[in-house]
Amino acid sequence: MANISKKIEGVTALDLIDSPLEWQRKGLSFTASGYGKRIPTHYKLRYRGRLYRVYCCIYSNIGTIYITSKGVDLIID
């Protein structure tokens, strides 16, 4: 089953927590090219009382950031 994308609006800097992974602290990339569907970012988002890792889908000059909650991709606006 494919993930259904929805949009989360009104996210502010207060909702984000800087939480880099170990390889990010070392300055490494997730993929050799830097592109991919589910690239983990440095951030976690507080959404409905839980923390979710923020991911980026990037294949060109611009990326889309999102979280996944209950199997649904939620795009952060």
C-alpha atoms as a PDB file:
ATOM      1  CA  MET A   1       0.000   0.000   0.000  1.00  0.00           C
ATOM      2  CA  ALA A   2       1.339   3.439  -0.931  1.00  0.00           C
ATOM      3  CA  ASN A   3       1.676   6.194   1.624  1.00  0.00           C
ATOM      4  CA  ILE A   4      -0.941   8.908   1.325  1.00  0.00           C
ATOM      5  CA  SER A   5       0.594  12.365   1.639  1.00  0.00           C
ATOM      6  CA  LYS A   6      -1.104  15.039   3.700  1.00  0.00           C
ATOM      7  CA  LYS A   7       0.109  18.495   4.698  1.00  0.00           C
ATOM      8  CA  ILE A   8       0.959  19.840   8.162  1.00  0.00           C
ATOM      9  CA  GLU A   9       0.666  23.640   8.254  1.00  0.00           C
ATOM     10  CA  GLY A  10       1.846  26.152  10.822  1.00  0.00           C
ATOM     11  CA  VAL A  11       5.047  24.418  11.947  1.00  0.00           C
ATOM     12  CA  THR A  12       7.387  26.870  13.700  1.00  0.00           C
ATOM     13  CA  ALA A  13      10.969  26.681  14.900  1.00  0.00           C
ATOM     14  CA  LEU A  14       9.613  26.044  18.410  1.00  0.00           C
ATOM     15  CA  ASP A  15       8.233  22.696  17.203  1.00  0.00           C
ATOM     16  CA  LEU A  16      11.642  21.503  15.949  1.00  0.00           C
ATOM     17  CA  ILE A  17      14.433  19.966  18.010  1.00  0.00           C
ATOM     18  CA  ASP A  18      18.005  19.739  16.690  1.00  0.00           C
ATOM     19  CA  SER A  19      18.891  16.059  17.104  1.00  0.00           C
ATOM     20  CA  PRO A  20      21.634  15.009  14.653  1.00  0.00           C
ATOM     21  CA  LEU A  21      22.459  11.346  14.187  1.00  0.00           C
ATOM     22  CA  GLU A  22      26.003  10.101  14.848  1.00  0.00           C
ATOM     23  CA  TRP A  23      27.035  10.055  11.171  1.00  0.00           C
ATOM     24  CA  GLN A  24      25.675  13.613  10.755  1.00  0.00           C
ATOM     25  CA  ARG A  25      27.822  14.825  13.665  1.00  0.00           C
ATOM     26  CA  LYS A  26      30.841  13.390  11.807  1.00  0.00           C
ATOM     27  CA  GLY A  27      29.929  15.400   8.693  1.00  0.00           C
ATOM     28  CA  LEU A  28      29.024  12.378   6.567  1.00  0.00           C
ATOM     29  CA  SER A  29      26.205  12.062   3.991  1.00  0.00           C
ATOM     30  CA  PHE A  30      23.417   9.479   4.038  1.00  0.00           C
ATOM     31  CA  THR A  31      24.010   8.627   0.359  1.00  0.00           C
ATOM     32  CA  ALA A  32      27.016   9.165  -1.898  1.00  0.00           C
ATOM     33  CA  SER A  33      25.020  11.437  -4.232  1.00  0.00           C
ATOM     34  CA  GLY A  34      23.076  13.264  -1.518  1.00  0.00           C
ATOM     35  CA  TYR A  35      19.797  12.368  -3.232  1.00  0.00           C
ATOM     36  CA  GLY A  36      17.063   9.954  -2.180  1.00  0.00           C
ATOM     37  CA  LYS A  37      13.476   9.410  -1.051  1.00  0.00           C
ATOM     38  CA  ARG A  38      14.015   9.184   2.713  1.00  0.00           C
ATOM     39  CA  ILE A  39      17.081  11.163   3.784  1.00  0.00           C
ATOM     40  CA  PRO A  40      17.110  11.750   7.567  1.00  0.00           C
ATOM     41  CA  THR A  41      17.629  15.389   8.607  1.00  0.00           C
ATOM     42  CA  HIS A  42      19.143  16.821  11.799  1.00  0.00           C
ATOM     43  CA  TYR A  43      15.683  17.592  13.155  1.00  0.00           C
ATOM     44  CA  LYS A  44      12.851  16.013  15.070  1.00  0.00           C
ATOM     45  CA  LEU A  45       9.359  17.525  15.060  1.00  0.00           C
ATOM     46  CA  ARG A  46       6.997  17.630  18.025  1.00  0.00           C
ATOM     47  CA  TYR A  47       3.628  16.671  16.515  1.00  0.00           C
ATOM     48  CA  ARG A  48       0.559  15.664  18.525  1.00  0.00           C
ATOM     49  CA  GLY A  49       2.596  14.988  21.657  1.00  0.00           C
ATOM     50  CA  ARG A  50       5.277  12.803  20.015  1.00  0.00           C
ATOM     51  CA  LEU A  51       8.667  13.381  18.438  1.00  0.00           C
ATOM     52  CA  TYR A  52       9.122  12.342  14.807  1.00  0.00           C
ATOM     53  CA  ARG A  53      12.331  12.341  12.753  1.00  0.00           C
ATOM     54  CA  VAL A  54      12.075  14.789   9.852  1.00  0.00           C
ATOM     55  CA  TYR A  55      13.023  13.285   6.470  1.00  0.00           C
ATOM     56  CA  CYS A  56      13.755  14.913   3.126  1.00  0.00           C
ATOM     57  CA  CYS A  57      12.870  13.609  -0.331  1.00  0.00           C
ATOM     58  CA  ILE A  58      15.352  15.193  -2.734  1.00  0.00           C
ATOM     59  CA  TYR A  59      16.158  14.349  -6.347  1.00  0.00           C
ATOM     60  CA  SER A  60      16.951  17.778  -7.801  1.00  0.00           C
ATOM     61  CA  ASN A  61      17.694  21.287  -6.557  1.00  0.00           C
ATOM     62  CA  ILE A  62      14.833  21.332  -4.057  1.00  0.00           C
ATOM     63  CA  GLY A  63      13.600  18.882  -1.453  1.00  0.00           C
ATOM     64  CA  THR A  64      10.351  18.156   0.339  1.00  0.00           C
ATOM     65  CA  ILE A  65      10.509  17.648   4.098  1.00  0.00           C
ATOM     66  CA  TYR A  66       8.087  15.311   5.831  1.00  0.00           C
ATOM     67  CA  ILE A  67       7.434  12.981   8.754  1.00  0.00           C
ATOM     68  CA  THR A  68       5.715   9.603   8.730  1.00  0.00           C
ATOM     69  CA  SER A  69       2.941   8.999  11.259  1.00  0.00           C
ATOM     70  CA  LYS A  70       0.919   5.772  11.287  1.00  0.00           C
ATOM     71  CA  GLY A  71       2.154   4.895   7.795  1.00  0.00           C
ATOM     72  CA  VAL A  72       1.117   8.242   6.278  1.00  0.00           C
ATOM     73  CA  ASP A  73       3.648  10.773   4.963  1.00  0.00           C
ATOM     74  CA  LEU A  74       2.861  14.226   6.358  1.00  0.00           C
ATOM     75  CA  ILE A  75       4.473  17.055   4.378  1.00  0.00           C
ATOM     76  CA  ILE A  76       5.696  19.957   6.505  1.00  0.00           C
ATOM     77  CA  ASP A  77       4.659  23.350   5.170  1.00  0.00           C
END
